[in-house]
PDB file of N, CA and C in Angstrom:
ATOM      1  N   MET A   1     111.595  32.378  12.039  1.00  0.00           N
ATOM      2  CA  MET A   1     110.757  32.897  13.095  1.00  0.00           C
ATOM      3  C   MET A   1     111.412  32.635  14.450  1.00  0.00           C
ATOM      4  N   LEU A   2     111.356  33.651  15.310  1.00  0.00           N
ATOM      5  CA  LEU A   2     111.949  33.540  16.641  1.00  0.00           C
ATOM      6  C   LEU A   2     111.001  32.783  17.572  1.00  0.00           C
ATOM      7  N   LYS A   3     111.495  31.740  18.188  1.00  0.00           N
ATOM      8  CA  LYS A   3     110.736  30.945  19.156  1.00  0.00           C
ATOM      9  C   LYS A   3     111.353  31.162  20.537  1.00  0.00           C
ATOM     10  N   ASN A   4     110.624  30.770  21.576  1.00  0.00           N
ATOM     11  CA  ASN A   4     111.172  30.941  22.923  1.00  0.00           C
ATOM     12  C   ASN A   4     110.626  29.886  23.874  1.00  0.00           C
ATOM     13  N   SER A   5     111.317  29.769  24.990  1.00  0.00           N
ATOM     14  CA  SER A   5     110.909  28.837  26.044  1.00  0.00           C
ATOM     15  C   SER A   5     110.602  29.588  27.344  1.00  0.00           C
ATOM     16  N   VAL A   6     110.129  30.814  27.212  1.00  0.00           N
ATOM     17  CA  VAL A   6     109.856  31.645  28.391  1.00  0.00           C
ATOM     18  C   VAL A   6     108.807  30.994  29.288  1.00  0.00           C
ATOM     19  N   ARG A   7     107.725  30.520  28.705  1.00  0.00           N
ATOM     20  CA  ARG A   7     106.652  29.930  29.513  1.00  0.00           C
ATOM     21  C   ARG A   7     107.159  28.734  30.310  1.00  0.00           C
ATOM     22  N   GLU A   8     107.947  27.878  29.668  1.00  0.00           N
ATOM     23  CA  GLU A   8     108.474  26.693  30.349  1.00  0.00           C
ATOM     24  C   GLU A   8     109.424  27.074  31.480  1.00  0.00           C
ATOM     25  N   LEU A   9     110.281  28.052  31.214  1.00  0.00           N
ATOM     26  CA  LEU A   9     111.224  28.498  32.246  1.00  0.00           C
ATOM     27  C   LEU A   9     110.483  29.174  33.404  1.00  0.00           C
ATOM     28  N   ARG A  10     109.485  29.949  33.074  1.00  0.00           N
ATOM     29  CA  ARG A  10     108.679  30.585  34.118  1.00  0.00           C
ATOM     30  C   ARG A  10     108.042  29.541  35.021  1.00  0.00           C
ATOM     31  N   ALA A  11     107.518  28.488  34.419  1.00  0.00           N
ATOM     32  CA  ALA A  11     106.890  27.411  35.195  1.00  0.00           C
ATOM     33  C   ALA A  11     107.922  26.717  36.082  1.00  0.00           C
ATOM     34  N   ARG A  12     109.111  26.487  35.535  1.00  0.00           N
ATOM     35  CA  ARG A  12     110.165  25.828  36.308  1.00  0.00           C
ATOM     36  C   ARG A  12     110.538  26.659  37.534  1.00  0.00           C
ATOM     37  N   TYR A  13     110.558  27.972  37.368  1.00  0.00           N
ATOM     38  CA  TYR A  13     110.921  28.854  38.473  1.00  0.00           C
ATOM     39  C   TYR A  13     109.714  29.304  39.293  1.00  0.00           C
ATOM     40  N   ARG A  14     108.541  28.775  38.934  1.00  0.00           N
ATOM     41  CA  ARG A  14     107.285  29.096  39.627  1.00  0.00           C
ATOM     42  C   ARG A  14     107.040  30.603  39.691  1.00  0.00           C
ATOM     43  N   LEU A  15     107.191  31.247  38.535  1.00  0.00           N
ATOM     44  CA  LEU A  15     106.944  32.673  38.425  1.00  0.00           C
ATOM     45  C   LEU A  15     105.681  32.903  37.609  1.00  0.00           C
ATOM     46  N   THR A  16     104.886  33.866  38.019  1.00  0.00           N
ATOM     47  CA  THR A  16     103.763  34.289  37.183  1.00  0.00           C
ATOM     48  C   THR A  16     104.303  35.262  36.134  1.00  0.00           C
ATOM     49  N   GLN A  17     103.470  35.578  35.161  1.00  0.00           N
ATOM     50  CA  GLN A  17     103.882  36.588  34.183  1.00  0.00           C
ATOM     51  C   GLN A  17     104.176  37.902  34.909  1.00  0.00           C
ATOM     52  N   GLN A  18     103.356  38.233  35.897  1.00  0.00           N
ATOM     53  CA  GLN A  18     103.561  39.468  36.656  1.00  0.00           C
ATOM     54  C   GLN A  18     104.884  39.440  37.426  1.00  0.00           C
ATOM     55  N   ASP A  19     105.207  38.304  38.043  1.00  0.00           N
ATOM     56  CA  ASP A  19     106.468  38.183  38.777  1.00  0.00           C
ATOM     57  C   ASP A  19     107.658  38.452  37.854  1.00  0.00           C
ATOM     58  N   LEU A  20     107.654  37.791  36.691  1.00  0.00           N
ATOM     59  CA  LEU A  20     108.754  37.974  35.744  1.00  0.00           C
ATOM     60  C   LEU A  20     108.803  39.403  35.242  1.00  0.00           C
ATOM     61  N   ALA A  21     107.654  39.963  34.948  1.00  0.00           N
ATOM     62  CA  ALA A  21     107.590  41.341  34.460  1.00  0.00           C
ATOM     63  C   ALA A  21     108.224  42.309  35.458  1.00  0.00           C
ATOM     64  N   GLU A  22     107.919  42.121  36.718  1.00  0.00           N
ATOM     65  CA  GLU A  22     108.482  43.001  37.749  1.00  0.00           C
ATOM     66  C   GLU A  22     109.990  42.832  37.855  1.00  0.00           C
ATOM     67  N   LYS A  23     110.470  41.606  37.724  1.00  0.00           N
ATOM     68  CA  LYS A  23     111.911  41.364  37.829  1.00  0.00           C
ATOM     69  C   LYS A  23     112.692  42.015  36.688  1.00  0.00           C
ATOM     70  N   ILE A  24     112.089  42.080  35.496  1.00  0.00           N
ATOM     71  CA  ILE A  24     112.829  42.640  34.347  1.00  0.00           C
ATOM     72  C   ILE A  24     112.289  44.006  33.921  1.00  0.00           C
ATOM     73  N   GLU A  25     111.378  44.548  34.734  1.00  0.00           N
ATOM     74  CA  GLU A  25     110.881  45.915  34.575  1.00  0.00           C
ATOM     75  C   GLU A  25     110.155  46.153  33.247  1.00  0.00           C
ATOM     76  N   VAL A  26     109.188  45.274  32.966  1.00  0.00           N
ATOM     77  CA  VAL A  26     108.288  45.457  31.829  1.00  0.00           C
ATOM     78  C   VAL A  26     106.872  45.155  32.323  1.00  0.00           C
ATOM     79  N   SER A  27     105.898  45.295  31.441  1.00  0.00           N
ATOM     80  CA  SER A  27     104.521  44.993  31.832  1.00  0.00           C
ATOM     81  C   SER A  27     104.236  43.501  31.699  1.00  0.00           C
ATOM     82  N   ARG A  28     103.206  43.050  32.405  1.00  0.00           N
ATOM     83  CA  ARG A  28     102.773  41.662  32.287  1.00  0.00           C
ATOM     84  C   ARG A  28     102.345  41.371  30.852  1.00  0.00           C
ATOM     85  N   GLN A  29     101.745  42.359  30.198  1.00  0.00           N
ATOM     86  CA  GLN A  29     101.307  42.192  28.815  1.00  0.00           C
ATOM     87  C   GLN A  29     102.488  41.911  27.890  1.00  0.00           C
ATOM     88  N   THR A  30     103.622  42.547  28.160  1.00  0.00           N
ATOM     89  CA  THR A  30     104.818  42.315  27.353  1.00  0.00           C
ATOM     90  C   THR A  30     105.273  40.865  27.478  1.00  0.00           C
ATOM     91  N   ILE A  31     105.240  40.327  28.678  1.00  0.00           N
ATOM     92  CA  ILE A  31     105.618  38.920  28.873  1.00  0.00           C
ATOM     93  C   ILE A  31     104.683  38.019  28.082  1.00  0.00           C
ATOM     94  N   GLY A  32     103.387  38.303  28.137  1.00  0.00           N
ATOM     95  CA  GLY A  32     102.417  37.513  27.386  1.00  0.00           C
ATOM     96  C   GLY A  32     102.684  37.551  25.886  1.00  0.00           C
ATOM     97  N   LEU A  33     102.999  38.727  25.367  1.00  0.00           N
ATOM     98  CA  LEU A  33     103.291  38.865  23.938  1.00  0.00           C
ATOM     99  C   LEU A  33     104.559  38.109  23.551  1.00  0.00           C
ATOM    100  N   ILE A  34     105.559  38.167  24.411  1.00  0.00           N
ATOM    101  CA  ILE A  34     106.805  37.429  24.145  1.00  0.00           C
ATOM    102  C   ILE A  34     106.517  35.933  24.120  1.00  0.00           C
ATOM    103  N   GLU A  35     105.783  35.445  25.101  1.00  0.00           N
ATOM    104  CA  GLU A  35     105.478  34.014  25.180  1.00  0.00           C
ATOM    105  C   GLU A  35     104.714  33.534  23.947  1.00  0.00           C
ATOM    106  N   LYS A  36     103.804  34.357  23.434  1.00  0.00           N
ATOM    107  CA  LYS A  36     103.031  33.980  22.252  1.00  0.00           C
ATOM    108  C   LYS A  36     103.826  34.143  20.959  1.00  0.00           C
ATOM    109  N   GLY A  37     104.986  34.790  21.042  1.00  0.00           N
ATOM    110  CA  GLY A  37     105.787  35.011  19.848  1.00  0.00           C
ATOM    111  C   GLY A  37     105.367  36.234  19.053  1.00  0.00           C
ATOM    112  N   ASP A  38     104.553  37.090  19.667  1.00  0.00           N
ATOM    113  CA  ASP A  38     104.076  38.291  18.990  1.00  0.00           C
ATOM    114  C   ASP A  38     104.983  39.493  19.206  1.00  0.00           C
ATOM    115  N   TYR A  39     106.011  39.333  20.018  1.00  0.00           N
ATOM    116  CA  TYR A  39     106.934  40.432  20.314  1.00  0.00           C
ATOM    117  C   TYR A  39     108.329  39.853  20.488  1.00  0.00           C
ATOM    118  N   ALA A  40     109.274  40.397  19.722  1.00  0.00           N
ATOM    119  CA  ALA A  40     110.679  39.986  19.856  1.00  0.00           C
ATOM    120  C   ALA A  40     111.366  40.980  20.798  1.00  0.00           C
ATOM    121  N   PRO A  41     111.873  40.518  21.917  1.00  0.00           N
ATOM    122  CA  PRO A  41     112.469  41.436  22.891  1.00  0.00           C
ATOM    123  C   PRO A  41     113.802  42.004  22.407  1.00  0.00           C
ATOM    124  N   SER A  42     114.156  43.128  22.977  1.00  0.00           N
ATOM    125  CA  SER A  42     115.464  43.716  22.701  1.00  0.00           C
ATOM    126  C   SER A  42     116.551  42.826  23.296  1.00  0.00           C
ATOM    127  N   ILE A  43     117.762  43.065  22.893  1.00  0.00           N
ATOM    128  CA  ILE A  43     118.881  42.306  23.445  1.00  0.00           C
ATOM    129  C   ILE A  43     118.971  42.532  24.960  1.00  0.00           C
ATOM    130  N   THR A  44     118.775  43.762  25.372  1.00  0.00           N
ATOM    131  CA  THR A  44     118.829  44.084  26.800  1.00  0.00           C
ATOM    132  C   THR A  44     117.791  43.288  27.576  1.00  0.00           C
ATOM    133  N   LEU A  45     116.567  43.234  27.048  1.00  0.00           N
ATOM    134  CA  LEU A  45     115.501  42.500  27.718  1.00  0.00           C
ATOM    135  C   LEU A  45     115.793  41.001  27.737  1.00  0.00           C
ATOM    136  N   ALA A  46     116.305  40.480  26.640  1.00  0.00           N
ATOM    137  CA  ALA A  46     116.661  39.053  26.578  1.00  0.00           C
ATOM    138  C   ALA A  46     117.749  38.728  27.600  1.00  0.00           C
ATOM    139  N   LEU A  47     118.717  39.619  27.749  1.00  0.00           N
ATOM    140  CA  LEU A  47     119.789  39.395  28.722  1.00  0.00           C
ATOM    141  C   LEU A  47     119.258  39.448  30.158  1.00  0.00           C
ATOM    142  N   LYS A  48     118.305  40.336  30.414  1.00  0.00           N
ATOM    143  CA  LYS A  48     117.695  40.393  31.750  1.00  0.00           C
ATOM    144  C   LYS A  48     116.979  39.087  32.060  1.00  0.00           C
ATOM    145  N   MET A  49     116.276  38.542  31.061  1.00  0.00           N
ATOM    146  CA  MET A  49     115.584  37.266  31.264  1.00  0.00           C
ATOM    147  C   MET A  49     116.592  36.150  31.528  1.00  0.00           C
ATOM    148  N   ALA A  50     117.662  36.143  30.780  1.00  0.00           N
ATOM    149  CA  ALA A  50     118.692  35.120  30.964  1.00  0.00           C
ATOM    150  C   ALA A  50     119.262  35.178  32.376  1.00  0.00           C
ATOM    151  N   LYS A  51     119.422  36.379  32.886  1.00  0.00           N
ATOM    152  CA  LYS A  51     119.945  36.536  34.248  1.00  0.00           C
ATOM    153  C   LYS A  51     118.950  35.995  35.277  1.00  0.00           C
ATOM    154  N   VAL A  52     117.673  36.292  35.097  1.00  0.00           N
ATOM    155  CA  VAL A  52     116.649  35.794  36.017  1.00  0.00           C
ATOM    156  C   VAL A  52     116.612  34.269  36.010  1.00  0.00           C
ATOM    157  N   PHE A  53     116.637  33.681  34.804  1.00  0.00           N
ATOM    158  CA  PHE A  53     116.533  32.229  34.676  1.00  0.00           C
ATOM    159  C   PHE A  53     117.875  31.505  34.827  1.00  0.00           C
ATOM    160  N   GLN A  54     118.960  32.261  34.875  1.00  0.00           N
ATOM    161  CA  GLN A  54     120.304  31.698  35.042  1.00  0.00           C
ATOM    162  C   GLN A  54     120.642  30.695  33.941  1.00  0.00           C
ATOM    163  N   VAL A  55     120.314  31.071  32.695  1.00  0.00           N
ATOM    164  CA  VAL A  55     120.629  30.251  31.522  1.00  0.00           C
ATOM    165  C   VAL A  55     121.134  31.170  30.415  1.00  0.00           C
ATOM    166  N   PRO A  56     121.821  30.624  29.411  1.00  0.00           N
ATOM    167  CA  PRO A  56     122.239  31.448  28.274  1.00  0.00           C
ATOM    168  C   PRO A  56     121.014  31.928  27.482  1.00  0.00           C
ATOM    169  N   VAL A  57     121.137  33.069  26.856  1.00  0.00           N
ATOM    170  CA  VAL A  57     120.059  33.623  26.043  1.00  0.00           C
ATOM    171  C   VAL A  57     119.583  32.610  25.004  1.00  0.00           C
ATOM    172  N   GLU A  58     120.520  31.853  24.445  1.00  0.00           N
ATOM    173  CA  GLU A  58     120.184  30.882  23.402  1.00  0.00           C
ATOM    174  C   GLU A  58     119.281  29.771  23.908  1.00  0.00           C
ATOM    175  N   GLN A  59     119.233  29.572  25.207  1.00  0.00           N
ATOM    176  CA  GLN A  59     118.342  28.560  25.773  1.00  0.00           C
ATOM    177  C   GLN A  59     116.919  29.105  25.898  1.00  0.00           C
ATOM    178  N   ILE A  60     116.770  30.419  25.868  1.00  0.00           N
ATOM    179  CA  ILE A  60     115.460  31.043  25.971  1.00  0.00           C
ATOM    180  C   ILE A  60     114.896  31.354  24.584  1.00  0.00           C
ATOM    181  N   PHE A  61     115.722  31.934  23.729  1.00  0.00           N
ATOM    182  CA  PHE A  61     115.288  32.351  22.394  1.00  0.00           C
ATOM    183  C   PHE A  61     116.094  31.634  21.335  1.00  0.00           C
ATOM    184  N   TYR A  62     115.400  31.170  20.301  1.00  0.00           N
ATOM    185  CA  TYR A  62     116.067  30.438  19.209  1.00  0.00           C
ATOM    186  C   TYR A  62     115.252  30.597  17.933  1.00  0.00           C
ATOM    187  N   LEU A  63     115.917  30.432  16.816  1.00  0.00           N
ATOM    188  CA  LEU A  63     115.244  30.491  15.526  1.00  0.00           C
ATOM    189  C   LEU A  63     114.624  29.143  15.204  1.00  0.00           C
ATOM    190  N   GLU A  64     113.416  29.152  14.720  1.00  0.00           N
ATOM    191  CA  GLU A  64     112.733  27.910  14.353  1.00  0.00           C
ATOM    192  C   GLU A  64     113.550  27.190  13.294  1.00  0.00           C
ATOM    193  N   GLY A  65     113.748  25.892  13.501  1.00  0.00           N
ATOM    194  CA  GLY A  65     114.513  25.092  12.552  1.00  0.00           C
ATOM    195  C   GLY A  65     115.989  25.010  12.860  1.00  0.00           C
ATOM    196  N   GLU A  66     116.426  25.642  13.933  1.00  0.00           N
ATOM    197  CA  GLU A  66     117.853  25.578  14.298  1.00  0.00           C
ATOM    198  C   GLU A  66     118.040  24.795  15.568  1.00  0.00           C
TER     199      GLU A  66
END
């Protein structure tokens, strides 16, 4: 199962779900679904998030147990 640290990174950067959504050009609902683990983002979307947070993609998304 794909896990993520989007919520933690968002808090560190003091971004709301809406702020992040606007930066990566998706809806706020999409951010919420990603944070809950109900939506696996595309590679393009994951790379956009990595750019916003200035971290490698692997620091945002990881497989449970790895």
